[in-house]
Amino acid sequence: VELPASNLKKEITKILFDKGYILNYKFEENDKKQGTIKIALKYHPVTKQSAIRTLDRISSPGLRKYAGVSTMPKVMNGLGIAIVSTSKGVMTDKEARSQNVGGEILCYIS
């Protein structure tokens, strides 16, 4: 998959790679201002099923969703992840709970 790059997309891509949802990624800088991100998706070798089963966008430009530390959601009782944009950067819901910060919930991945 190839998509236009932004700082937020780069951070989300790094999180997906660290958590094992994608196989590999590569940031390419062009002569233009905006580069591209190439992502190799991960599939199960036998069933050919994608590692990312669902990806739900939670916060949208028209309706932002915020959560504090006490109301931070758990995706599939901890089996999935929520990507959260906090004042300390983009991180998963578990990392946000451990650092005691809340923020804007971008998406749920399972």
Protein backbone atom coordinates (compact mmCIF):
# COMPACT_ATOMS: atom_id res chain seq x y z
CA VAL A 1 0.00 0.00 0.00
CA GLU A 2 1.36 3.43 -0.88
CA LEU A 3 0.00 6.62 0.67
CA PRO A 4 1.01 10.28 1.04
CA ALA A 5 3.10 10.91 4.14
CA SER A 6 2.37 13.11 7.11
CA ASN A 7 3.84 13.14 10.60
CA LEU A 8 0.68 11.59 12.09
CA LYS A 9 0.61 8.79 9.50
CA LYS A 10 4.30 8.08 10.15
CA GLU A 11 3.68 7.69 13.88
CA ILE A 12 0.65 5.44 13.33
CA THR A 13 2.70 3.30 10.92
CA LYS A 14 5.47 2.90 13.50
CA ILE A 15 2.94 1.80 16.13
CA LEU A 16 1.35 -0.74 13.76
CA PHE A 17 4.80 -2.18 12.96
CA ASP A 18 5.81 -2.39 16.64
CA LYS A 19 2.57 -4.19 17.55
CA GLY A 20 2.90 -6.67 14.66
CA TYR A 21 -0.03 -5.57 12.50
CA ILE A 22 2.09 -4.83 9.41
CA LEU A 23 5.08 -6.66 7.93
CA ASN A 24 7.30 -3.73 6.95
CA TYR A 25 7.24 -0.04 6.01
CA LYS A 26 9.42 2.47 4.19
CA PHE A 27 9.37 6.26 4.20
CA GLU A 28 10.33 7.78 0.85
CA GLU A 29 11.21 11.44 0.52
CA ASN A 30 10.56 13.02 -2.89
CA ASP A 31 11.64 16.29 -4.46
CA LYS A 32 8.19 17.49 -3.50
CA LYS A 33 7.41 18.70 0.00
CA GLN A 34 5.34 15.61 0.80
CA GLY A 35 6.86 12.14 0.60
CA THR A 36 5.18 8.74 0.53
CA ILE A 37 4.86 5.79 2.87
CA LYS A 38 5.02 2.25 1.48
CA ILE A 39 3.47 -0.39 3.75
CA ALA A 40 3.68 -4.18 3.35
CA LEU A 41 0.59 -5.72 4.92
CA LYS A 42 0.83 -8.89 7.01
CA TYR A 43 -1.21 -12.00 6.21
CA HIS A 44 -1.59 -15.39 7.88
CA PRO A 45 0.42 -17.94 5.83
CA VAL A 46 -2.27 -20.65 5.77
CA THR A 47 -5.62 -18.86 5.85
CA LYS A 48 -4.44 -15.74 3.95
CA GLN A 49 -6.35 -13.60 6.44
CA SER A 50 -5.08 -10.09 7.16
CA ALA A 51 -3.49 -9.33 10.54
CA ILE A 52 -5.67 -6.20 10.75
CA ARG A 53 -9.19 -7.58 11.02
CA THR A 54 -10.96 -4.32 11.80
CA LEU A 55 -9.86 -0.70 11.75
CA ASP A 56 -12.49 1.73 13.03
CA ARG A 57 -11.96 5.49 12.81
CA ILE A 58 -13.29 7.04 15.99
CA SER A 59 -12.38 10.73 15.91
CA SER A 60 -13.25 12.63 12.75
CA PRO A 61 -12.77 16.29 11.80
CA GLY A 62 -16.46 16.94 12.40
CA LEU A 63 -16.67 15.16 15.74
CA ARG A 64 -13.57 14.77 17.89
CA LYS A 65 -13.59 12.09 20.62
CA TYR A 66 -11.45 12.63 23.70
CA ALA A 67 -10.86 10.39 26.70
CA GLY A 68 -9.15 10.89 30.02
CA VAL A 69 -7.03 8.28 31.75
CA SER A 70 -9.97 6.94 33.74
CA THR A 71 -12.22 6.64 30.66
CA MET A 72 -9.61 5.27 28.24
CA PRO A 73 -11.29 2.47 26.24
CA LYS A 74 -10.11 -1.13 26.02
CA VAL A 75 -10.50 -2.66 22.56
CA MET A 76 -11.79 -6.24 22.67
CA ASN A 77 -10.91 -6.43 26.40
CA GLY A 78 -7.24 -5.72 25.71
CA LEU A 79 -6.80 -7.92 22.60
CA GLY A 80 -6.87 -4.92 20.23
CA ILE A 81 -5.34 -1.46 20.48
CA ALA A 82 -6.62 2.09 20.43
CA ILE A 83 -4.33 4.72 18.95
CA VAL A 84 -4.41 7.92 20.99
CA SER A 85 -2.94 11.35 20.19
CA THR A 86 -1.74 12.82 23.48
CA SER A 87 0.31 15.80 24.56
CA LYS A 88 3.29 13.41 24.80
CA GLY A 89 2.86 12.12 21.24
CA VAL A 90 0.91 9.40 19.45
CA MET A 91 0.73 6.14 21.42
CA THR A 92 -1.46 3.14 22.21
CA ASP A 93 -4.10 3.13 24.93
CA LYS A 94 -1.94 0.95 27.20
CA GLU A 95 1.03 3.32 26.94
CA ALA A 96 -1.24 6.30 27.62
CA ARG A 97 -2.59 4.61 30.76
CA SER A 98 0.92 3.83 32.01
CA GLN A 99 2.07 7.44 31.40
CA ASN A 100 -1.15 8.75 33.00
CA VAL A 101 -2.23 10.91 30.04
CA GLY A 102 -5.45 11.19 28.06
CA GLY A 103 -6.08 12.53 24.60
CA GLU A 104 -7.90 12.24 21.29
CA ILE A 105 -8.83 8.68 20.31
CA LEU A 106 -7.93 8.30 16.63
CA CYS A 107 -8.89 4.67 15.87
CA TYR A 108 -9.47 1.15 17.16
CA ILE A 109 -7.51 -1.74 15.63
CA SER A 110 -8.12 -5.43 16.22
